[in-house]
Amino acid sequence: MLTDYASKIFESFEELSRILKKEDGNLVIEDDPLRIVITRDRVEFYVYDEFHGFVSESQAELSETVSEEAKLWLQALANLHFKRFSLRR
């Protein structure tokens, strides 16, 4: 399930890059003390700058400390819907 969420996130990487903070080509979410770094092939989770795991399209390795919060973030990011709106005059 987590790897499915990750796949959806990677598919919408460009759209996410328009709304999330960027650092060195990666997308970053700060949810103190949690820090989420989204690269093109994995989502990494840090607590107070200590690595606590990652999720990719084929693998999920998360510590117990972040597992539940990571699931919620992955689910939310994977289920964002982007629509184009055109203004009528």
N, C-alpha and C. Protein backbone atom coordinates (compact mmCIF):
# COMPACT_ATOMS: atom_id res chain seq x y z
N MET A 1 0.82 -1.19 0.00
CA MET A 1 0.00 0.00 0.00
C MET A 1 0.86 1.26 0.00
N LEU A 2 1.87 1.33 0.87
CA LEU A 2 2.74 2.51 0.91
C LEU A 2 3.47 2.71 -0.40
N THR A 3 3.89 1.62 -1.01
CA THR A 3 4.61 1.73 -2.28
C THR A 3 3.67 2.23 -3.39
N ASP A 4 2.39 1.90 -3.30
CA ASP A 4 1.42 2.42 -4.27
C ASP A 4 1.26 3.93 -4.11
N TYR A 5 1.22 4.40 -2.88
CA TYR A 5 1.16 5.84 -2.64
C TYR A 5 2.41 6.52 -3.21
N ALA A 6 3.56 5.91 -2.99
CA ALA A 6 4.80 6.48 -3.50
C ALA A 6 4.77 6.60 -5.02
N SER A 7 4.26 5.59 -5.69
CA SER A 7 4.16 5.63 -7.16
C SER A 7 3.32 6.80 -7.63
N LYS A 8 2.21 7.03 -6.96
CA LYS A 8 1.35 8.16 -7.32
C LYS A 8 2.05 9.49 -7.08
N ILE A 9 2.82 9.57 -6.00
CA ILE A 9 3.55 10.80 -5.70
C ILE A 9 4.59 11.07 -6.79
N PHE A 10 5.31 10.04 -7.21
CA PHE A 10 6.33 10.23 -8.25
C PHE A 10 5.69 10.64 -9.57
N GLU A 11 4.50 10.12 -9.86
CA GLU A 11 3.78 10.49 -11.08
C GLU A 11 3.38 11.96 -11.07
N SER A 12 3.12 12.52 -9.89
CA SER A 12 2.69 13.92 -9.80
C SER A 12 3.81 14.83 -9.28
N PHE A 13 5.06 14.39 -9.43
CA PHE A 13 6.20 15.15 -8.92
C PHE A 13 6.22 16.58 -9.45
N GLU A 14 5.98 16.75 -10.75
CA GLU A 14 6.01 18.09 -11.35
C GLU A 14 4.93 18.99 -10.76
N GLU A 15 3.73 18.46 -10.59
CA GLU A 15 2.65 19.25 -10.01
C GLU A 15 2.95 19.60 -8.56
N LEU A 16 3.48 18.64 -7.82
CA LEU A 16 3.85 18.90 -6.42
C LEU A 16 4.95 19.94 -6.33
N SER A 17 5.85 19.97 -7.31
CA SER A 17 6.96 20.92 -7.26
C SER A 17 6.48 22.36 -7.38
N ARG A 18 5.28 22.55 -7.85
CA ARG A 18 4.72 23.92 -7.96
C ARG A 18 4.21 24.44 -6.63
N ILE A 19 3.95 23.55 -5.68
CA ILE A 19 3.37 24.00 -4.41
C ILE A 19 4.24 23.71 -3.20
N LEU A 20 5.27 22.88 -3.35
CA LEU A 20 6.12 22.53 -2.21
C LEU A 20 7.47 23.22 -2.29
N LYS A 21 8.11 23.35 -1.17
CA LYS A 21 9.45 23.92 -1.07
C LYS A 21 10.44 23.03 -1.79
N LYS A 22 11.38 23.65 -2.52
CA LYS A 22 12.39 22.89 -3.25
C LYS A 22 13.77 23.13 -2.64
N GLU A 23 14.55 22.06 -2.57
CA GLU A 23 15.94 22.12 -2.09
C GLU A 23 16.76 21.14 -2.91
N ASP A 24 17.74 21.64 -3.64
CA ASP A 24 18.64 20.78 -4.43
C ASP A 24 17.90 19.82 -5.35
N GLY A 25 16.83 20.26 -5.98
CA GLY A 25 16.09 19.42 -6.89
C GLY A 25 15.10 18.47 -6.23
N ASN A 26 15.04 18.50 -4.92
CA ASN A 26 14.11 17.66 -4.16
C ASN A 26 12.99 18.53 -3.59
N LEU A 27 11.89 17.91 -3.25
CA LEU A 27 10.79 18.61 -2.60
C LEU A 27 10.86 18.33 -1.10
N VAL A 28 10.61 19.36 -0.30
CA VAL A 28 10.77 19.22 1.14
C VAL A 28 9.52 19.72 1.86
N ILE A 29 9.08 18.94 2.83
CA ILE A 29 7.98 19.32 3.70
C ILE A 29 8.51 19.34 5.12
N GLU A 30 8.32 20.47 5.79
CA GLU A 30 8.72 20.61 7.19
C GLU A 30 7.47 20.53 8.05
N ASP A 31 7.38 19.50 8.87
CA ASP A 31 6.27 19.32 9.79
C ASP A 31 6.90 19.00 11.14
N ASP A 32 7.49 20.02 11.73
CA ASP A 32 8.34 19.89 12.91
C ASP A 32 7.79 18.91 13.93
N PRO A 33 8.52 17.93 14.35
CA PRO A 33 9.93 17.64 14.10
C PRO A 33 10.19 16.79 12.85
N LEU A 34 9.12 16.45 12.14
CA LEU A 34 9.26 15.60 10.96
C LEU A 34 9.69 16.43 9.74
N ARG A 35 10.59 15.85 8.97
CA ARG A 35 11.03 16.46 7.70
C ARG A 35 10.89 15.37 6.64
N ILE A 36 10.19 15.70 5.56
CA ILE A 36 9.95 14.76 4.48
C ILE A 36 10.66 15.28 3.24
N VAL A 37 11.49 14.44 2.65
CA VAL A 37 12.22 14.80 1.44
C VAL A 37 11.76 13.88 0.33
N ILE A 38 11.22 14.49 -0.73
CA ILE A 38 10.72 13.71 -1.87
C ILE A 38 11.71 13.87 -3.02
N THR A 39 12.32 12.76 -3.41
CA THR A 39 13.20 12.75 -4.58
C THR A 39 12.39 12.14 -5.72
N ARG A 40 13.01 11.94 -6.85
CA ARG A 40 12.28 11.38 -7.99
C ARG A 40 12.02 9.88 -7.84
N ASP A 41 12.71 9.23 -6.88
CA ASP A 41 12.50 7.78 -6.75
C ASP A 41 12.28 7.28 -5.33
N ARG A 42 12.24 8.18 -4.34
CA ARG A 42 11.89 7.75 -2.99
C ARG A 42 11.48 8.92 -2.13
N VAL A 43 10.73 8.60 -1.08
CA VAL A 43 10.29 9.59 -0.10
C VAL A 43 10.99 9.24 1.21
N GLU A 44 11.77 10.19 1.71
CA GLU A 44 12.57 9.94 2.92
C GLU A 44 11.97 10.69 4.10
N PHE A 45 12.09 10.09 5.29
CA PHE A 45 11.53 10.67 6.50
C PHE A 45 12.64 10.86 7.54
N TYR A 46 12.68 12.05 8.12
CA TYR A 46 13.67 12.42 9.14
C TYR A 46 12.94 12.99 10.34
N VAL A 47 13.46 12.70 11.52
CA VAL A 47 12.97 13.31 12.76
C VAL A 47 14.17 13.97 13.41
N TYR A 48 14.07 15.27 13.62
CA TYR A 48 15.20 16.05 14.15
C TYR A 48 16.47 15.74 13.35
N ASP A 49 16.36 15.74 12.03
CA ASP A 49 17.47 15.50 11.10
C ASP A 49 18.06 14.09 11.18
N GLU A 50 17.42 13.19 11.90
CA GLU A 50 17.86 11.79 11.96
C GLU A 50 17.01 10.97 11.00
N PHE A 51 17.66 10.23 10.11
CA PHE A 51 16.97 9.42 9.11
C PHE A 51 16.15 8.32 9.77
N HIS A 52 14.87 8.22 9.40
CA HIS A 52 13.98 7.21 9.98
C HIS A 52 13.33 6.32 8.94
N GLY A 53 13.79 6.40 7.70
CA GLY A 53 13.28 5.47 6.71
C GLY A 53 12.87 6.13 5.42
N PHE A 54 12.43 5.27 4.50
CA PHE A 54 12.03 5.73 3.18
C PHE A 54 10.97 4.80 2.60
N VAL A 55 10.33 5.31 1.55
CA VAL A 55 9.39 4.51 0.77
C VAL A 55 9.70 4.79 -0.70
N SER A 56 9.82 3.72 -1.47
CA SER A 56 10.01 3.84 -2.91
C SER A 56 8.89 3.07 -3.60
N GLU A 57 8.96 2.93 -4.91
CA GLU A 57 7.92 2.20 -5.62
C GLU A 57 7.95 0.70 -5.33
N SER A 58 9.10 0.21 -4.85
CA SER A 58 9.22 -1.23 -4.64
C SER A 58 9.51 -1.63 -3.19
N GLN A 59 9.77 -0.65 -2.32
CA GLN A 59 10.21 -0.99 -0.97
C GLN A 59 9.78 0.08 0.03
N ALA A 60 9.50 -0.35 1.24
CA ALA A 60 9.18 0.56 2.33
C ALA A 60 9.93 0.11 3.57
N GLU A 61 10.75 0.99 4.09
CA GLU A 61 11.49 0.73 5.33
C GLU A 61 11.36 1.95 6.22
N LEU A 62 10.52 1.82 7.24
CA LEU A 62 10.25 2.93 8.15
C LEU A 62 10.41 2.48 9.59
N SER A 63 10.92 3.37 10.42
CA SER A 63 11.01 3.07 11.85
C SER A 63 9.62 3.18 12.46
N GLU A 64 9.44 2.59 13.61
CA GLU A 64 8.16 2.68 14.31
C GLU A 64 7.83 4.13 14.66
N THR A 65 8.87 4.92 14.87
CA THR A 65 8.68 6.32 15.25
C THR A 65 7.88 7.09 14.20
N VAL A 66 8.12 6.81 12.93
CA VAL A 66 7.48 7.59 11.86
C VAL A 66 6.44 6.82 11.06
N SER A 67 6.28 5.55 11.30
CA SER A 67 5.45 4.72 10.41
C SER A 67 4.02 5.24 10.26
N GLU A 68 3.36 5.59 11.34
CA GLU A 68 1.97 6.04 11.24
C GLU A 68 1.87 7.42 10.59
N GLU A 69 2.74 8.33 10.98
CA GLU A 69 2.74 9.68 10.40
C GLU A 69 3.11 9.62 8.93
N ALA A 70 4.06 8.77 8.58
CA ALA A 70 4.48 8.61 7.18
C ALA A 70 3.31 8.12 6.34
N LYS A 71 2.56 7.16 6.86
CA LYS A 71 1.41 6.64 6.12
C LYS A 71 0.41 7.76 5.83
N LEU A 72 0.14 8.59 6.83
CA LEU A 72 -0.81 9.68 6.64
C LEU A 72 -0.31 10.69 5.60
N TRP A 73 0.97 11.04 5.67
CA TRP A 73 1.54 11.98 4.69
C TRP A 73 1.53 11.39 3.29
N LEU A 74 1.93 10.14 3.15
CA LEU A 74 1.94 9.50 1.83
C LEU A 74 0.54 9.45 1.24
N GLN A 75 -0.42 9.10 2.06
CA GLN A 75 -1.80 9.02 1.60
C GLN A 75 -2.29 10.41 1.13
N ALA A 76 -1.99 11.42 1.91
CA ALA A 76 -2.43 12.77 1.56
C ALA A 76 -1.76 13.25 0.27
N LEU A 77 -0.46 13.06 0.15
CA LEU A 77 0.26 13.51 -1.04
C LEU A 77 -0.17 12.74 -2.29
N ALA A 78 -0.47 11.47 -2.14
CA ALA A 78 -0.87 10.64 -3.29
C ALA A 78 -2.27 10.97 -3.76
N ASN A 79 -3.08 11.52 -2.88
CA ASN A 79 -4.48 11.76 -3.24
C ASN A 79 -4.79 13.22 -3.53
N LEU A 80 -3.76 14.04 -3.69
CA LEU A 80 -4.00 15.42 -4.12
C LEU A 80 -4.47 15.38 -5.56
N HIS A 81 -5.44 16.19 -5.88
CA HIS A 81 -5.93 16.24 -7.25
C HIS A 81 -5.64 17.61 -7.82
N PHE A 82 -5.08 17.62 -9.00
CA PHE A 82 -4.73 18.87 -9.65
C PHE A 82 -5.64 19.06 -10.85
N LYS A 83 -6.30 20.19 -10.88
CA LYS A 83 -7.17 20.50 -12.00
C LYS A 83 -6.74 21.83 -12.59
N ARG A 84 -6.94 21.96 -13.86
CA ARG A 84 -6.69 23.24 -14.52
C ARG A 84 -8.00 23.99 -14.59
N PHE A 85 -7.94 25.23 -14.22
CA PHE A 85 -9.12 26.08 -14.28
C PHE A 85 -8.91 27.13 -15.35
N SER A 86 -9.93 27.39 -16.11
CA SER A 86 -9.84 28.47 -17.06
C SER A 86 -10.85 29.54 -16.63
N LEU A 87 -10.40 30.73 -16.67
CA LEU A 87 -11.28 31.84 -16.26
C LEU A 87 -12.18 32.24 -17.42
N ARG A 88 -13.42 32.46 -17.11
CA ARG A 88 -14.35 32.93 -18.14
C ARG A 88 -14.44 34.45 -18.04
N ARG A 89 -14.56 35.03 -19.18
CA ARG A 89 -14.69 36.51 -19.20
C ARG A 89 -16.11 36.89 -19.48
